[in-house]
Full PDB file with SEQRES, HELIX, SHEET, SSBOND, CRYST1, ORIGX, SCALE, CONECT and MASTER records, all heavy atoms in Angstrom:
SEQRES   1 A   36  THR LYS TYR ASP GLY SER LEU HIS TRP HIS HIS THR ALA          
SEQRES   2 A   36  ARG LEU LEU GLY GLU ASP VAL HIS GLY VAL TRP ALA GLY          
SEQRES   3 A   36  CYS PRO ALA GLY ALA SER MET ARG ARG GLY                      
SHEET    1 AA1 2 ARG A  14  ASP A  19  0                                        
SHEET    2 AA1 2 GLY A  22  GLY A  26 -1                                        
CRYST1    1.000    1.000    1.000  90.00  90.00  90.00 P 1           1          
ORIGX1      1.000000  0.000000  0.000000        0.00000                         
ORIGX2      0.000000  1.000000  0.000000        0.00000                         
ORIGX3      0.000000  0.000000  1.000000        0.00000                         
SCALE1      1.000000  0.000000  0.000000        0.00000                         
SCALE2      0.000000  1.000000  0.000000        0.00000                         
SCALE3      0.000000  0.000000  1.000000        0.00000                         
ATOM      1  N   THR A   1     -39.215  -3.246  47.570  1.00  0.00           N  
ATOM      2  CA  THR A   1     -40.209  -2.900  48.602  1.00  0.00           C  
ATOM      3  C   THR A   1     -41.595  -3.076  47.975  1.00  0.00           C  
ATOM      4  O   THR A   1     -41.738  -3.270  46.765  1.00  0.00           O  
ATOM      5  CB  THR A   1     -40.082  -1.438  49.071  1.00  0.00           C  
ATOM      6  OG1 THR A   1     -40.336  -0.563  47.988  1.00  0.00           O  
ATOM      7  CG2 THR A   1     -38.695  -1.180  49.660  1.00  0.00           C  
ATOM      8  N   LYS A   2     -42.599  -3.014  48.821  1.00  0.00           N  
ATOM      9  CA  LYS A   2     -43.970  -2.939  48.346  1.00  0.00           C  
ATOM     10  C   LYS A   2     -44.334  -1.453  48.249  1.00  0.00           C  
ATOM     11  O   LYS A   2     -43.592  -0.591  48.708  1.00  0.00           O  
ATOM     12  CB  LYS A   2     -44.928  -3.698  49.298  1.00  0.00           C  
ATOM     13  CG  LYS A   2     -44.850  -5.200  49.121  1.00  0.00           C  
ATOM     14  CD  LYS A   2     -45.175  -5.576  47.693  1.00  0.00           C  
ATOM     15  CE  LYS A   2     -45.356  -7.055  47.482  1.00  0.00           C  
ATOM     16  NZ  LYS A   2     -45.678  -7.337  46.066  1.00  0.00           N  
ATOM     17  N   TYR A   3     -45.472  -1.146  47.683  1.00  0.00           N  
ATOM     18  CA  TYR A   3     -45.830   0.243  47.414  1.00  0.00           C  
ATOM     19  C   TYR A   3     -45.943   1.080  48.686  1.00  0.00           C  
ATOM     20  O   TYR A   3     -45.737   2.279  48.670  1.00  0.00           O  
ATOM     21  CB  TYR A   3     -47.126   0.323  46.590  1.00  0.00           C  
ATOM     22  CG  TYR A   3     -47.251   1.621  45.870  1.00  0.00           C  
ATOM     23  CD1 TYR A   3     -46.540   1.875  44.685  1.00  0.00           C  
ATOM     24  CD2 TYR A   3     -48.065   2.644  46.356  1.00  0.00           C  
ATOM     25  CE1 TYR A   3     -46.620   3.061  44.026  1.00  0.00           C  
ATOM     26  CE2 TYR A   3     -48.160   3.840  45.690  1.00  0.00           C  
ATOM     27  CZ  TYR A   3     -47.437   4.060  44.543  1.00  0.00           C  
ATOM     28  OH  TYR A   3     -47.523   5.244  43.884  1.00  0.00           O  
ATOM     29  N   ASP A   4     -46.235   0.428  49.814  1.00  0.00           N  
ATOM     30  CA  ASP A   4     -46.337   1.159  51.085  1.00  0.00           C  
ATOM     31  C   ASP A   4     -44.974   1.391  51.739  1.00  0.00           C  
ATOM     32  O   ASP A   4     -44.872   1.921  52.844  1.00  0.00           O  
ATOM     33  CB  ASP A   4     -47.271   0.440  52.053  1.00  0.00           C  
ATOM     34  CG  ASP A   4     -46.734  -0.898  52.526  1.00  0.00           C  
ATOM     35  OD1 ASP A   4     -45.703  -1.385  52.026  1.00  0.00           O  
ATOM     36  OD2 ASP A   4     -47.398  -1.486  53.428  1.00  0.00           O  
ATOM     37  N   GLY A   5     -43.908   0.957  51.067  1.00  0.00           N  
ATOM     38  CA  GLY A   5     -42.552   1.140  51.586  1.00  0.00           C  
ATOM     39  C   GLY A   5     -42.038  -0.025  52.413  1.00  0.00           C  
ATOM     40  O   GLY A   5     -40.872  -0.031  52.820  1.00  0.00           O  
ATOM     41  N   SER A   6     -42.872  -1.018  52.692  1.00  0.00           N  
ATOM     42  CA  SER A   6     -42.417  -2.152  53.484  1.00  0.00           C  
ATOM     43  C   SER A   6     -41.412  -2.992  52.680  1.00  0.00           C  
ATOM     44  O   SER A   6     -41.522  -3.144  51.462  1.00  0.00           O  
ATOM     45  CB  SER A   6     -43.586  -3.009  53.944  1.00  0.00           C  
ATOM     46  OG  SER A   6     -44.293  -3.525  52.837  1.00  0.00           O  
ATOM     47  N   LEU A   7     -40.423  -3.524  53.382  1.00  0.00           N  
ATOM     48  CA  LEU A   7     -39.377  -4.316  52.767  1.00  0.00           C  
ATOM     49  C   LEU A   7     -39.957  -5.610  52.207  1.00  0.00           C  
ATOM     50  O   LEU A   7     -40.738  -6.305  52.885  1.00  0.00           O  
ATOM     51  CB  LEU A   7     -38.286  -4.630  53.810  1.00  0.00           C  
ATOM     52  CG  LEU A   7     -37.013  -5.271  53.310  1.00  0.00           C  
ATOM     53  CD1 LEU A   7     -36.312  -4.403  52.261  1.00  0.00           C  
ATOM     54  CD2 LEU A   7     -36.060  -5.536  54.481  1.00  0.00           C  
ATOM     55  N   HIS A   8     -39.600  -5.923  50.970  1.00  0.00           N  
ATOM     56  CA  HIS A   8     -40.054  -7.155  50.328  1.00  0.00           C  
ATOM     57  C   HIS A   8     -38.813  -8.028  50.142  1.00  0.00           C  
ATOM     58  O   HIS A   8     -38.062  -8.244  51.099  1.00  0.00           O  
ATOM     59  CB  HIS A   8     -40.783  -6.799  49.029  1.00  0.00           C  
ATOM     60  CG  HIS A   8     -41.523  -7.907  48.394  1.00  0.00           C  
ATOM     61  ND1 HIS A   8     -42.340  -8.770  49.085  1.00  0.00           N  
ATOM     62  CD2 HIS A   8     -41.574  -8.329  47.097  1.00  0.00           C  
ATOM     63  CE1 HIS A   8     -42.859  -9.670  48.248  1.00  0.00           C  
ATOM     64  NE2 HIS A   8     -42.415  -9.419  47.032  1.00  0.00           N  
ATOM     65  N   TRP A   9     -38.543  -8.516  48.965  1.00  0.00           N  
ATOM     66  CA  TRP A   9     -37.363  -9.357  48.744  1.00  0.00           C  
ATOM     67  C   TRP A   9     -36.095  -8.507  48.796  1.00  0.00           C  
ATOM     68  O   TRP A   9     -36.054  -7.397  48.257  1.00  0.00           O  
ATOM     69  CB  TRP A   9     -37.424 -10.065  47.397  1.00  0.00           C  
ATOM     70  CG  TRP A   9     -38.420 -11.172  47.394  1.00  0.00           C  
ATOM     71  CD1 TRP A   9     -39.666 -11.152  46.821  1.00  0.00           C  
ATOM     72  CD2 TRP A   9     -38.266 -12.477  47.982  1.00  0.00           C  
ATOM     73  NE1 TRP A   9     -40.296 -12.374  47.033  1.00  0.00           N  
ATOM     74  CE2 TRP A   9     -39.455 -13.204  47.732  1.00  0.00           C  
ATOM     75  CE3 TRP A   9     -37.248 -13.087  48.700  1.00  0.00           C  
ATOM     76  CZ2 TRP A   9     -39.657 -14.490  48.158  1.00  0.00           C  
ATOM     77  CZ3 TRP A   9     -37.430 -14.402  49.140  1.00  0.00           C  
ATOM     78  CH2 TRP A   9     -38.617 -15.075  48.873  1.00  0.00           C  
ATOM     79  N   HIS A  10     -35.052  -9.013  49.458  1.00  0.00           N  
ATOM     80  CA  HIS A  10     -33.790  -8.296  49.567  1.00  0.00           C  
ATOM     81  C   HIS A  10     -32.645  -9.266  49.741  1.00  0.00           C  
ATOM     82  O   HIS A  10     -32.808 -10.346  50.316  1.00  0.00           O  
ATOM     83  CB  HIS A  10     -33.834  -7.273  50.727  1.00  0.00           C  
ATOM     84  CG  HIS A  10     -34.179  -7.877  52.051  1.00  0.00           C  
ATOM     85  ND1 HIS A  10     -33.238  -8.135  53.018  1.00  0.00           N  
ATOM     86  CD2 HIS A  10     -35.359  -8.290  52.570  1.00  0.00           C  
ATOM     87  CE1 HIS A  10     -33.812  -8.660  54.082  1.00  0.00           C  
ATOM     88  NE2 HIS A  10     -35.124  -8.770  53.833  1.00  0.00           N  
ATOM     89  N   HIS A  11     -31.493  -8.897  49.195  1.00  0.00           N  
ATOM     90  CA  HIS A  11     -30.313  -9.739  49.271  1.00  0.00           C  
ATOM     91  C   HIS A  11     -29.074  -8.963  48.810  1.00  0.00           C  
ATOM     92  O   HIS A  11     -29.186  -7.838  48.333  1.00  0.00           O  
ATOM     93  CB  HIS A  11     -30.488 -11.006  48.427  1.00  0.00           C  
ATOM     94  CG  HIS A  11     -30.651 -10.760  46.970  1.00  0.00           C  
ATOM     95  ND1 HIS A  11     -29.605 -10.791  46.076  1.00  0.00           N  
ATOM     96  CD2 HIS A  11     -31.771 -10.468  46.236  1.00  0.00           C  
ATOM     97  CE1 HIS A  11     -30.058 -10.532  44.861  1.00  0.00           C  
ATOM     98  NE2 HIS A  11     -31.358 -10.318  44.926  1.00  0.00           N  
ATOM     99  N   THR A  12     -27.946  -9.609  48.950  1.00  0.00           N  
ATOM    100  CA  THR A  12     -26.690  -9.057  48.451  1.00  0.00           C  
ATOM    101  C   THR A  12     -26.338  -9.775  47.164  1.00  0.00           C  
ATOM    102  O   THR A  12     -26.593 -10.970  47.020  1.00  0.00           O  
ATOM    103  CB  THR A  12     -25.572  -9.278  49.511  1.00  0.00           C  
ATOM    104  OG1 THR A  12     -25.953  -8.604  50.729  1.00  0.00           O  
ATOM    105  CG2 THR A  12     -24.245  -8.708  49.040  1.00  0.00           C  
ATOM    106  N   ALA A  13     -25.777  -9.031  46.227  1.00  0.00           N  
ATOM    107  CA  ALA A  13     -25.339  -9.613  44.957  1.00  0.00           C  
ATOM    108  C   ALA A  13     -24.001  -9.001  44.598  1.00  0.00           C  
ATOM    109  O   ALA A  13     -23.568  -7.993  45.201  1.00  0.00           O  
ATOM    110  CB  ALA A  13     -26.366  -9.322  43.868  1.00  0.00           C  
ATOM    111  N   ARG A  14     -23.351  -9.589  43.606  1.00  0.00           N  
ATOM    112  CA  ARG A  14     -22.095  -9.066  43.134  1.00  0.00           C  
ATOM    113  C   ARG A  14     -22.353  -8.275  41.849  1.00  0.00           C  
ATOM    114  O   ARG A  14     -22.924  -8.801  40.903  1.00  0.00           O  
ATOM    115  CB  ARG A  14     -21.111 -10.203  42.861  1.00  0.00           C  
ATOM    116  CG  ARG A  14     -19.687  -9.708  42.647  1.00  0.00           C  
ATOM    117  CD  ARG A  14     -18.720 -10.862  42.538  1.00  0.00           C  
ATOM    118  NE  ARG A  14     -19.072 -11.634  41.368  1.00  0.00           N  
ATOM    119  CZ  ARG A  14     -18.809 -12.940  41.222  1.00  0.00           C  
ATOM    120  NH1 ARG A  14     -18.228 -13.598  42.174  1.00  0.00           N  
ATOM    121  NH2 ARG A  14     -19.131 -13.554  40.111  1.00  0.00           N  
ATOM    122  N   LEU A  15     -21.954  -7.031  41.832  1.00  0.00           N  
ATOM    123  CA  LEU A  15     -22.113  -6.188  40.648  1.00  0.00           C  
ATOM    124  C   LEU A  15     -21.182  -6.732  39.570  1.00  0.00           C  
ATOM    125  O   LEU A  15     -19.965  -6.833  39.784  1.00  0.00           O  
ATOM    126  CB  LEU A  15     -21.766  -4.744  40.984  1.00  0.00           C  
ATOM    127  CG  LEU A  15     -21.983  -3.726  39.898  1.00  0.00           C  
ATOM    128  CD1 LEU A  15     -23.469  -3.626  39.566  1.00  0.00           C  
ATOM    129  CD2 LEU A  15     -21.460  -2.374  40.354  1.00  0.00           C  
ATOM    130  N   LEU A  16     -21.727  -7.100  38.410  1.00  0.00           N  
ATOM    131  CA  LEU A  16     -20.925  -7.711  37.342  1.00  0.00           C  
ATOM    132  C   LEU A  16     -20.526  -6.717  36.271  1.00  0.00           C  
ATOM    133  O   LEU A  16     -19.452  -6.842  35.689  1.00  0.00           O  
ATOM    134  CB  LEU A  16     -21.689  -8.876  36.715  1.00  0.00           C  
ATOM    135  CG  LEU A  16     -22.068 -10.014  37.653  1.00  0.00           C  
ATOM    136  CD1 LEU A  16     -22.920 -11.040  36.910  1.00  0.00           C  
ATOM    137  CD2 LEU A  16     -20.823 -10.667  38.242  1.00  0.00           C  
ATOM    138  N   GLY A  17     -21.390  -5.772  35.962  1.00  0.00           N  
ATOM    139  CA  GLY A  17     -21.089  -4.816  34.917  1.00  0.00           C  
ATOM    140  C   GLY A  17     -22.343  -4.238  34.312  1.00  0.00           C  
ATOM    141  O   GLY A  17     -23.447  -4.390  34.838  1.00  0.00           O  
ATOM    142  N   GLU A  18     -22.136  -3.601  33.163  1.00  0.00           N  
ATOM    143  CA  GLU A  18     -23.221  -2.879  32.522  1.00  0.00           C  
ATOM    144  C   GLU A  18     -23.089  -3.041  31.009  1.00  0.00           C  
ATOM    145  O   GLU A  18     -21.996  -3.150  30.486  1.00  0.00           O  
ATOM    146  CB  GLU A  18     -23.053  -1.406  32.916  1.00  0.00           C  
ATOM    147  CG  GLU A  18     -24.171  -0.513  32.541  1.00  0.00           C  
ATOM    148  CD  GLU A  18     -24.016   0.868  33.174  1.00  0.00           C  
ATOM    149  OE1 GLU A  18     -23.141   1.059  34.046  1.00  0.00           O  
ATOM    150  OE2 GLU A  18     -24.787   1.736  32.784  1.00  0.00           O  
ATOM    151  N   ASP A  19     -24.246  -3.110  30.333  1.00  0.00           N  
ATOM    152  CA  ASP A  19     -24.255  -3.158  28.880  1.00  0.00           C  
ATOM    153  C   ASP A  19     -25.446  -2.327  28.367  1.00  0.00           C  
ATOM    154  O   ASP A  19     -26.034  -1.580  29.134  1.00  0.00           O  
ATOM    155  CB  ASP A  19     -24.275  -4.593  28.354  1.00  0.00           C  
ATOM    156  CG  ASP A  19     -25.536  -5.371  28.672  1.00  0.00           C  
ATOM    157  OD1 ASP A  19     -26.525  -4.765  29.149  1.00  0.00           O  
ATOM    158  OD2 ASP A  19     -25.561  -6.600  28.458  1.00  0.00           O  
ATOM    159  N   VAL A  20     -25.794  -2.487  27.109  1.00  0.00           N  
ATOM    160  CA  VAL A  20     -26.886  -1.692  26.539  1.00  0.00           C  
ATOM    161  C   VAL A  20     -28.219  -1.975  27.193  1.00  0.00           C  
ATOM    162  O   VAL A  20     -29.152  -1.173  27.106  1.00  0.00           O  
ATOM    163  CB  VAL A  20     -27.004  -1.910  25.018  1.00  0.00           C  
ATOM    164  CG1 VAL A  20     -25.745  -1.437  24.310  1.00  0.00           C  
ATOM    165  CG2 VAL A  20     -27.299  -3.350  24.676  1.00  0.00           C  
ATOM    166  N   HIS A  21     -28.346  -3.126  27.876  1.00  0.00           N  
ATOM    167  CA  HIS A  21     -29.605  -3.503  28.500  1.00  0.00           C  
ATOM    168  C   HIS A  21     -29.762  -2.965  29.922  1.00  0.00           C  
ATOM    169  O   HIS A  21     -30.876  -2.875  30.441  1.00  0.00           O  
ATOM    170  CB  HIS A  21     -29.773  -5.018  28.512  1.00  0.00           C  
ATOM    171  CG  HIS A  21     -29.670  -5.614  27.143  1.00  0.00           C  
ATOM    172  ND1 HIS A  21     -30.640  -5.470  26.189  1.00  0.00           N  
ATOM    173  CD2 HIS A  21     -28.683  -6.339  26.568  1.00  0.00           C  
ATOM    174  CE1 HIS A  21     -30.273  -6.056  25.075  1.00  0.00           C  
ATOM    175  NE2 HIS A  21     -29.088  -6.603  25.287  1.00  0.00           N  
ATOM    176  N   GLY A  22     -28.654  -2.628  30.562  1.00  0.00           N  
ATOM    177  CA  GLY A  22     -28.701  -2.131  31.916  1.00  0.00           C  
ATOM    178  C   GLY A  22     -27.555  -2.637  32.752  1.00  0.00           C  
ATOM    179  O   GLY A  22     -26.503  -3.008  32.235  1.00  0.00           O  
ATOM    180  N   VAL A  23     -27.790  -2.684  34.053  1.00  0.00           N  
ATOM    181  CA  VAL A  23     -26.772  -3.107  35.035  1.00  0.00           C  
ATOM    182  C   VAL A  23     -27.035  -4.558  35.422  1.00  0.00           C  
ATOM    183  O   VAL A  23     -28.182  -4.925  35.715  1.00  0.00           O  
ATOM    184  CB  VAL A  23     -26.799  -2.196  36.282  1.00  0.00           C  
ATOM    185  CG1 VAL A  23     -25.789  -2.651  37.300  1.00  0.00           C  
ATOM    186  CG2 VAL A  23     -26.555  -0.737  35.873  1.00  0.00           C  
ATOM    187  N   TRP A  24     -25.979  -5.361  35.447  1.00  0.00           N  
ATOM    188  CA  TRP A  24     -26.082  -6.793  35.761  1.00  0.00           C  
ATOM    189  C   TRP A  24     -25.423  -7.077  37.096  1.00  0.00           C  
ATOM    190  O   TRP A  24     -24.345  -6.552  37.392  1.00  0.00           O  
ATOM    191  CB  TRP A  24     -25.392  -7.614  34.672  1.00  0.00           C  
ATOM    192  CG  TRP A  24     -26.077  -7.549  33.350  1.00  0.00           C  
ATOM    193  CD1 TRP A  24     -25.923  -6.586  32.377  1.00  0.00           C  
ATOM    194  CD2 TRP A  24     -26.998  -8.494  32.817  1.00  0.00           C  
ATOM    195  NE1 TRP A  24     -26.704  -6.873  31.305  1.00  0.00           N  
ATOM    196  CE2 TRP A  24     -27.376  -8.039  31.530  1.00  0.00           C  
ATOM    197  CE3 TRP A  24     -27.567  -9.682  33.302  1.00  0.00           C  
ATOM    198  CZ2 TRP A  24     -28.282  -8.726  30.738  1.00  0.00           C  
ATOM    199  CZ3 TRP A  24     -28.443 -10.363  32.498  1.00  0.00           C  
ATOM    200  CH2 TRP A  24     -28.805  -9.895  31.223  1.00  0.00           C  
ATOM    201  N   ALA A  25     -26.069  -7.925  37.890  1.00  0.00           N  
ATOM    202  CA  ALA A  25     -25.525  -8.387  39.166  1.00  0.00           C  
ATOM    203  C   ALA A  25     -25.778  -9.880  39.243  1.00  0.00           C  
ATOM    204  O   ALA A  25     -26.696 -10.407  38.623  1.00  0.00           O  
ATOM    205  CB  ALA A  25     -26.191  -7.668  40.344  1.00  0.00           C  
ATOM    206  N   GLY A  26     -24.934 -10.595  40.003  1.00  0.00           N  
ATOM    207  CA  GLY A  26     -25.088 -12.048  40.081  1.00  0.00           C  
ATOM    208  C   GLY A  26     -24.931 -12.593  41.462  1.00  0.00           C  
ATOM    209  O   GLY A  26     -24.356 -11.960  42.348  1.00  0.00           O  
ATOM    210  N   CYS A  27     -25.482 -13.792  41.623  1.00  0.00           N  
ATOM    211  CA  CYS A  27     -25.378 -14.538  42.877  1.00  0.00           C  
ATOM    212  C   CYS A  27     -24.964 -15.970  42.556  1.00  0.00           C  
ATOM    213  O   CYS A  27     -25.573 -16.609  41.668  1.00  0.00           O  
ATOM    214  CB  CYS A  27     -26.697 -14.548  43.611  1.00  0.00           C  
ATOM    215  SG  CYS A  27     -27.217 -12.922  44.214  1.00  0.00           S  
ATOM    216  N   PRO A  28     -23.984 -16.511  43.265  1.00  0.00           N  
ATOM    217  CA  PRO A  28     -23.579 -17.896  43.021  1.00  0.00           C  
ATOM    218  C   PRO A  28     -24.584 -18.888  43.596  1.00  0.00           C  
ATOM    219  O   PRO A  28     -25.461 -18.522  44.385  1.00  0.00           O  
ATOM    220  CB  PRO A  28     -22.243 -18.002  43.759  1.00  0.00           C  
ATOM    221  CG  PRO A  28     -22.393 -17.009  44.889  1.00  0.00           C  
ATOM    222  CD  PRO A  28     -23.224 -15.898  44.334  1.00  0.00           C  
ATOM    223  N   ALA A  29     -24.458 -20.124  43.196  1.00  0.00           N  
ATOM    224  CA  ALA A  29     -25.270 -21.194  43.779  1.00  0.00           C  
ATOM    225  C   ALA A  29     -25.104 -21.151  45.290  1.00  0.00           C  
ATOM    226  O   ALA A  29     -24.013 -20.927  45.800  1.00  0.00           O  
ATOM    227  CB  ALA A  29     -24.828 -22.538  43.219  1.00  0.00           C  
ATOM    228  N   GLY A  30     -26.197 -21.332  46.002  1.00  0.00           N  
ATOM    229  CA  GLY A  30     -26.152 -21.314  47.463  1.00  0.00           C  
ATOM    230  C   GLY A  30     -26.415 -19.954  48.083  1.00  0.00           C  
ATOM    231  O   GLY A  30     -26.485 -19.825  49.303  1.00  0.00           O  
ATOM    232  N   ALA A  31     -26.564 -18.926  47.233  1.00  0.00           N  
ATOM    233  CA  ALA A  31     -26.872 -17.594  47.750  1.00  0.00           C  
ATOM    234  C   ALA A  31     -28.290 -17.600  48.330  1.00  0.00           C  
ATOM    235  O   ALA A  31     -29.123 -18.431  47.991  1.00  0.00           O  
ATOM    236  CB  ALA A  31     -26.788 -16.559  46.642  1.00  0.00           C  
ATOM    237  N   SER A  32     -28.507 -16.667  49.240  1.00  0.00           N  
ATOM    238  CA  SER A  32     -29.839 -16.610  49.851  1.00  0.00           C  
ATOM    239  C   SER A  32     -30.413 -15.204  49.746  1.00  0.00           C  
ATOM    240  O   SER A  32     -29.678 -14.231  49.571  1.00  0.00           O  
ATOM    241  CB  SER A  32     -29.781 -17.043  51.316  1.00  0.00           C  
ATOM    242  OG  SER A  32     -29.013 -16.138  52.056  1.00  0.00           O  
ATOM    243  N   MET A  33     -31.745 -15.139  49.831  1.00  0.00           N  
ATOM    244  CA  MET A  33     -32.432 -13.860  49.893  1.00  0.00           C  
ATOM    245  C   MET A  33     -33.568 -14.005  50.885  1.00  0.00           C  
ATOM    246  O   MET A  33     -33.946 -15.138  51.246  1.00  0.00           O  
ATOM    247  CB  MET A  33     -32.924 -13.416  48.509  1.00  0.00           C  
ATOM    248  CG  MET A  33     -33.922 -14.286  47.827  1.00  0.00           C  
ATOM    249  SD  MET A  33     -34.581 -13.590  46.282  1.00  0.00           S  
ATOM    250  CE  MET A  33     -33.129 -13.432  45.303  1.00  0.00           C  
ATOM    251  N   ARG A  34     -34.084 -12.887  51.322  1.00  0.00           N  
ATOM    252  CA  ARG A  34     -35.170 -12.902  52.308  1.00  0.00           C  
ATOM    253  C   ARG A  34     -36.339 -12.058  51.816  1.00  0.00           C  
ATOM    254  O   ARG A  34     -36.136 -11.055  51.151  1.00  0.00           O  
ATOM    255  CB  ARG A  34     -34.685 -12.320  53.632  1.00  0.00           C  
ATOM    256  CG  ARG A  34     -33.618 -13.176  54.286  1.00  0.00           C  
ATOM    257  CD  ARG A  34     -33.117 -12.553  55.553  1.00  0.00           C  
ATOM    258  NE  ARG A  34     -34.173 -12.566  56.563  1.00  0.00           N  
ATOM    259  CZ  ARG A  34     -34.015 -12.138  57.794  1.00  0.00           C  
ATOM    260  NH1 ARG A  34     -32.857 -11.646  58.168  1.00  0.00           N  
ATOM    261  NH2 ARG A  34     -34.999 -12.220  58.657  1.00  0.00           N  
ATOM    262  N   ARG A  35     -37.525 -12.472  52.199  1.00  0.00           N  
ATOM    263  CA  ARG A  35     -38.726 -11.673  51.961  1.00  0.00           C  
ATOM    264  C   ARG A  35     -39.057 -11.033  53.294  1.00  0.00           C  
ATOM    265  O   ARG A  35     -39.415 -11.709  54.253  1.00  0.00           O  
ATOM    266  CB  ARG A  35     -39.877 -12.527  51.466  1.00  0.00           C  
ATOM    267  CG  ARG A  35     -41.103 -11.689  51.194  1.00  0.00           C  
ATOM    268  CD  ARG A  35     -42.191 -12.381  50.437  1.00  0.00           C  
ATOM    269  NE  ARG A  35     -42.429 -13.722  50.910  1.00  0.00           N  
ATOM    270  CZ  ARG A  35     -43.105 -14.649  50.225  1.00  0.00           C  
ATOM    271  NH1 ARG A  35     -43.571 -14.365  49.045  1.00  0.00           N  
ATOM    272  NH2 ARG A  35     -43.303 -15.845  50.731  1.00  0.00           N  
ATOM    273  N   GLY A  36     -38.908  -9.711  53.363  1.00  0.00           N  
ATOM    274  CA  GLY A  36     -39.143  -8.999  54.609  1.00  0.00           C  
ATOM    275  C   GLY A  36     -38.242  -9.535  55.706  1.00  0.00           C  
ATOM    276  O   GLY A  36     -37.037  -9.635  55.533  1.00  0.00           O  
TER     277      GLY A  36                                                      
MASTER        0    0    0    0    2    0    0    6  276    1    0    3          
END                                                                             
């Protein structure tokens, strides 16, 4: 979101797992996302 709460970039991803760096998610080639 932006600081005023408005929706910014959003999409669906596949949760892949977690390691010492954090949580990882992925999108295959051809995946899409939207801005607002």
